[in-house]
Structure formats: structure tokens, C-alpha cells
Amino acid sequence: MAFHEIRFPANLSFGSIGGPERRTEIVTLSNGYEERNSPWAHSRRRYDAGVGLRSLDDVEALIAFFEARQGQLHGFRWKDWADYKSCAASGVVGFEDQRIGTGDGVTTAFQLVKTYVSGGVSYVRPIAKPVAGSVQVGLQGDHQAEAVQFGVDPATGLVTFAEAPPPGARVTAGFEFDVPVRFDTDRIQVSVASFQAGDLPQVPVIEVRL
């Protein structure tokens, strides 16, 4: 599957419904207790792109985007308005938002990640599709200059330093990011009469593993 480095129109994804899902396998034992296990290390996000449509022009833009991706064939970027920054939703992106690694004097490349913390438990989510121009990087509390001290690949989320950070150095980053997704259907059914009456088409979108 090819991936197109293009974002689904953000004005159409605004107002969409969706979020993360997990897969949990539950076995109920004869004594009534349960055994729970998950084969997934990472959650997977689903959305409905149809909810954000507000006019027939929006429908036309959706169809054009769908045709250019050839339905489910090609992946694309999606802005999740509920979770698209390394900081709090009301905050401003800063170079110390997320810790992405620790220097060892040898490693020069670090993957962007976002850590979710609740009740003393944390989940580290790899970020593969940062928004170009939004990435800020820090090293032991000092802001680093892009294209001078580091570079970032917006297609993979990999930050590469010109020189390996020294042992024990705290590597941090702040950024905006997209979710890599594809359409979860090979057809879109739209009725102009139904749309004008407020009946929106369902256009499922699902996150893809990269």
C-alpha cells in the first residue's frame, strides 16, 4: 500500500466523530474470575469523515479526495482535532513537551513519541506523521536549531542530530502531528435530497500501521 503525504481537508475533519480503540480478549473462568489480554501494543483510531460535511461543496471535495486515494488503496494524513499536539489541547507547543530519549554519545536518531499518563500508568505512542515546520527539539533544556543541529523527517517522525547527544542528555521535543489513516470503505453513497434533509453519508476512516 502506498501512502500519500497529503492531509484530508482539515475543515472537513473538524466535527468528525472518532478516537482510539483497543482490542481486549476476555476469558471468563469457571469460578467467575476473568483473564484479560490484549494482542495490540498500540491503540488504533477510527473516525467518521461524513459528520464534518456541511455543504454540497464539501461532498464534492470529499469525493475528489476519495477518488484520488482510490478508495482504500492509499493512505493519507488525518488531523484529529481532539489530539494533535504534543502539549495540552489549550497549550502552545514547546520544545520540552515530550521526552523522546536519552543521549548515549552514539545514537543520533530519535523517534518522536507522545506519552499519555493517568494514575501513575503511562502509554508511549509513536508519532510517525509530524506536521512539517512544527517540530521543536531540546537537548538538556536547550533549544536546538533545525537544519543546523538537527533535522526531522515529516514522513517518519525521526529526529536526527548532527552530533550524537552526550551520555545522559535529556532529548525532548514539541510538535503537531497527523494520524496515518485510510478509508475503511471502497464506496461512498450520497443522496443530494437526503443530504439537504440532514442525513449525512457514513465515510469510515481507520488508522494504519506504518
Protein backbone atom coordinates (compact mmCIF):
# COMPACT_ATOMS: atom_id res chain seq x y z
CA MET A 1 0.00 0.00 0.00
CA ALA A 2 1.28 3.44 -0.92
CA PHE A 3 0.94 6.37 1.43
CA HIS A 4 0.13 9.83 0.10
CA GLU A 5 1.69 12.60 2.18
CA ILE A 6 -1.41 14.75 1.96
CA ARG A 7 -3.83 15.72 4.70
CA PHE A 8 -7.56 15.15 4.45
CA PRO A 9 -9.10 18.66 4.34
CA ALA A 10 -8.94 19.84 7.94
CA ASN A 11 -12.17 21.80 7.64
CA LEU A 12 -13.96 18.53 6.77
CA SER A 13 -12.39 16.51 9.60
CA PHE A 14 -13.40 19.22 12.09
CA GLY A 15 -16.53 17.98 13.84
CA SER A 16 -15.94 14.36 12.88
CA ILE A 17 -16.60 11.57 15.37
CA GLY A 18 -13.88 9.14 16.39
CA GLY A 19 -10.99 8.24 18.63
CA PRO A 20 -8.80 5.37 19.86
CA GLU A 21 -9.89 1.77 20.18
CA ARG A 22 -8.24 -1.23 21.83
CA ARG A 23 -8.64 -4.96 21.32
CA THR A 24 -9.06 -6.92 24.55
CA GLU A 25 -9.54 -10.67 24.71
CA ILE A 26 -11.57 -11.68 27.78
CA VAL A 27 -11.97 -15.24 29.06
CA THR A 28 -14.40 -15.87 31.91
CA LEU A 29 -13.20 -18.75 34.10
CA SER A 30 -15.46 -21.32 35.73
CA ASN A 31 -15.06 -19.57 39.09
CA GLY A 32 -16.35 -16.29 37.64
CA TYR A 33 -12.98 -14.54 37.50
CA GLU A 34 -11.70 -13.14 34.24
CA GLU A 35 -8.43 -13.32 32.36
CA ARG A 36 -7.83 -10.33 30.11
CA ASN A 37 -5.18 -9.93 27.47
CA SER A 38 -4.53 -7.59 24.55
CA PRO A 39 -2.66 -8.61 21.38
CA TRP A 40 -2.21 -4.93 20.49
CA ALA A 41 0.69 -2.91 21.88
CA HIS A 42 -0.82 0.28 20.46
CA SER A 43 -4.34 1.59 20.08
CA ARG A 44 -5.92 2.15 16.66
CA ARG A 45 -8.08 5.13 15.79
CA ARG A 46 -11.32 5.22 13.83
CA TYR A 47 -13.25 8.23 12.55
CA ASP A 48 -16.34 9.07 10.50
CA ALA A 49 -15.46 11.69 7.89
CA GLY A 50 -19.09 12.13 6.86
CA VAL A 51 -20.05 14.00 10.02
CA GLY A 52 -17.94 17.03 9.09
CA LEU A 53 -19.73 17.65 5.78
CA ARG A 54 -21.74 20.88 5.78
CA SER A 55 -22.46 21.66 2.13
CA LEU A 56 -22.57 20.05 -1.29
CA ASP A 57 -19.19 21.67 -1.98
CA ASP A 58 -17.84 19.65 0.96
CA VAL A 59 -19.30 16.49 -0.57
CA GLU A 60 -17.60 17.28 -3.86
CA ALA A 61 -14.26 17.82 -2.09
CA LEU A 62 -14.70 14.52 -0.25
CA ILE A 63 -15.42 12.61 -3.45
CA ALA A 64 -12.39 14.15 -5.18
CA PHE A 65 -10.16 13.18 -2.25
CA PHE A 66 -11.65 9.66 -2.17
CA GLU A 67 -11.12 9.15 -5.89
CA ALA A 68 -7.52 10.41 -5.74
CA ARG A 69 -6.77 7.89 -2.96
CA GLN A 70 -8.56 5.16 -4.97
CA GLY A 71 -10.77 4.23 -2.06
CA GLN A 72 -8.97 2.07 0.49
CA LEU A 73 -5.83 1.67 -1.65
CA HIS A 74 -3.73 4.62 -0.49
CA GLY A 75 -3.25 6.03 2.97
CA PHE A 76 -3.25 9.71 3.90
CA ARG A 77 -2.92 12.13 6.81
CA TRP A 78 -5.79 12.98 9.12
CA LYS A 79 -5.98 15.78 11.67
CA ASP A 80 -7.58 14.56 14.88
CA TRP A 81 -8.84 17.82 16.33
CA ALA A 82 -9.16 16.21 19.77
CA ASP A 83 -5.50 15.15 19.88
CA TYR A 84 -3.00 16.75 17.50
CA LYS A 85 -0.38 18.44 19.71
CA SER A 86 2.44 17.31 21.98
CA CYS A 87 1.10 19.56 24.74
CA ALA A 88 -2.30 20.06 26.34
CA ALA A 89 -5.13 20.99 23.97
CA SER A 90 -5.18 24.56 25.31
CA GLY A 91 -1.39 24.89 25.40
CA VAL A 92 1.27 26.12 23.00
CA VAL A 93 3.77 23.65 21.54
CA GLY A 94 7.19 23.90 23.22
CA PHE A 95 10.50 22.07 22.82
CA GLU A 96 10.22 20.43 26.26
CA ASP A 97 6.72 18.99 25.83
CA GLN A 98 7.75 15.34 25.42
CA ARG A 99 10.84 13.37 26.35
CA ILE A 100 11.81 11.31 23.31
CA GLY A 101 15.06 9.78 24.50
CA THR A 102 18.33 9.96 26.42
CA GLY A 103 21.71 10.52 24.83
CA ASP A 104 24.37 7.81 24.92
CA GLY A 105 27.11 9.52 22.93
CA VAL A 106 26.48 7.25 19.92
CA THR A 107 22.81 7.40 18.90
CA THR A 108 21.90 10.30 16.61
CA ALA A 109 18.31 9.35 15.61
CA PHE A 110 15.29 9.51 17.94
CA GLN A 111 11.65 8.70 17.21
CA LEU A 112 9.03 11.30 18.11
CA VAL A 113 6.63 9.98 20.74
CA LYS A 114 3.77 11.26 22.88
CA THR A 115 3.32 9.89 26.40
CA TYR A 116 -0.13 9.64 27.98
CA VAL A 117 -0.14 9.45 31.79
CA SER A 118 -3.01 8.65 34.15
CA GLY A 119 -2.99 7.25 37.69
CA GLY A 120 0.71 6.52 37.66
CA VAL A 121 0.42 4.45 34.45
CA SER A 122 1.77 5.66 31.12
CA TYR A 123 1.42 4.75 27.45
CA VAL A 124 4.01 5.82 24.88
CA ARG A 125 2.60 6.43 21.41
CA PRO A 126 4.98 6.59 18.44
CA ILE A 127 4.39 9.66 16.26
CA ALA A 128 5.15 8.93 12.60
CA LYS A 129 3.49 11.88 10.89
CA PRO A 130 4.55 15.20 12.46
CA VAL A 131 3.40 18.38 10.74
CA ALA A 132 6.27 19.85 8.75
CA GLY A 133 7.64 23.03 10.32
CA SER A 134 6.02 22.40 13.71
CA VAL A 135 8.75 20.29 15.34
CA GLN A 136 10.86 21.89 18.07
CA VAL A 137 13.69 19.98 19.75
CA GLY A 138 15.53 20.45 23.02
CA LEU A 139 18.71 18.94 24.41
CA GLN A 140 19.22 19.05 28.17
CA GLY A 141 16.89 22.07 28.36
CA ASP A 142 18.49 23.99 25.48
CA HIS A 143 16.51 24.75 22.34
CA GLN A 144 18.10 23.29 19.19
CA ALA A 145 18.15 24.89 15.75
CA GLU A 146 16.56 22.88 12.95
CA ALA A 147 18.72 22.30 9.85
CA VAL A 148 21.77 23.23 11.95
CA GLN A 149 21.76 20.95 14.99
CA PHE A 150 19.06 18.51 13.93
CA GLY A 151 16.78 17.51 11.09
CA VAL A 152 13.37 15.84 11.13
CA ASP A 153 11.70 13.57 8.58
CA PRO A 154 7.97 14.50 8.44
CA ALA A 155 7.21 11.18 6.74
CA THR A 156 8.57 9.04 9.61
CA GLY A 157 8.81 11.25 12.69
CA LEU A 158 12.51 10.53 13.04
CA VAL A 159 14.67 13.31 14.55
CA THR A 160 18.33 13.10 13.58
CA PHE A 161 21.07 15.14 15.29
CA ALA A 162 24.18 16.38 13.50
CA GLU A 163 26.17 15.13 16.50
CA ALA A 164 25.16 12.39 18.92
CA PRO A 165 23.81 13.80 22.22
CA PRO A 166 26.23 13.13 25.11
CA PRO A 167 25.53 10.31 27.60
CA GLY A 168 22.63 11.09 29.93
CA ALA A 169 21.47 14.14 27.98
CA ARG A 170 17.70 14.63 28.02
CA VAL A 171 16.25 14.76 24.50
CA THR A 172 12.87 16.49 24.25
CA ALA A 173 10.52 17.68 21.53
CA GLY A 174 7.31 19.53 20.86
CA PHE A 175 5.22 19.20 17.71
CA GLU A 176 1.88 18.99 15.97
CA PHE A 177 1.04 15.72 14.27
CA ASP A 178 -1.38 13.89 12.00
CA VAL A 179 -2.73 10.33 12.14
CA PRO A 180 -1.86 8.00 9.24
CA VAL A 181 -5.17 6.59 8.00
CA ARG A 182 -7.03 5.14 5.02
CA PHE A 183 -10.68 4.98 4.04
CA ASP A 184 -12.37 1.92 5.51
CA THR A 185 -14.74 1.55 2.57
CA ASP A 186 -14.49 1.33 -1.19
CA ARG A 187 -17.71 3.20 -1.87
CA ILE A 188 -19.42 6.43 -0.90
CA GLN A 189 -23.18 6.73 -1.20
CA VAL A 190 -24.58 10.25 -1.28
CA SER A 191 -28.14 11.35 -1.95
CA VAL A 192 -28.48 15.09 -2.56
CA ALA A 193 -32.04 15.07 -1.26
CA SER A 194 -31.05 13.17 1.88
CA PHE A 195 -28.01 15.38 2.44
CA GLN A 196 -30.12 18.55 2.24
CA ALA A 197 -32.50 16.96 4.73
CA GLY A 198 -29.65 16.47 7.17
CA ASP A 199 -28.97 12.77 6.53
CA LEU A 200 -25.16 12.61 6.27
CA PRO A 201 -23.32 9.79 4.49
CA GLN A 202 -21.09 7.50 6.56
CA VAL A 203 -17.45 7.68 5.49
CA PRO A 204 -15.39 5.46 7.84
CA VAL A 205 -11.67 6.16 8.21
CA ILE A 206 -9.24 3.90 10.08
CA GLU A 207 -5.66 4.33 11.29
CA VAL A 208 -2.98 2.29 9.53
CA ARG A 209 0.19 0.77 10.99
CA LEU A 210 3.41 2.05 9.45
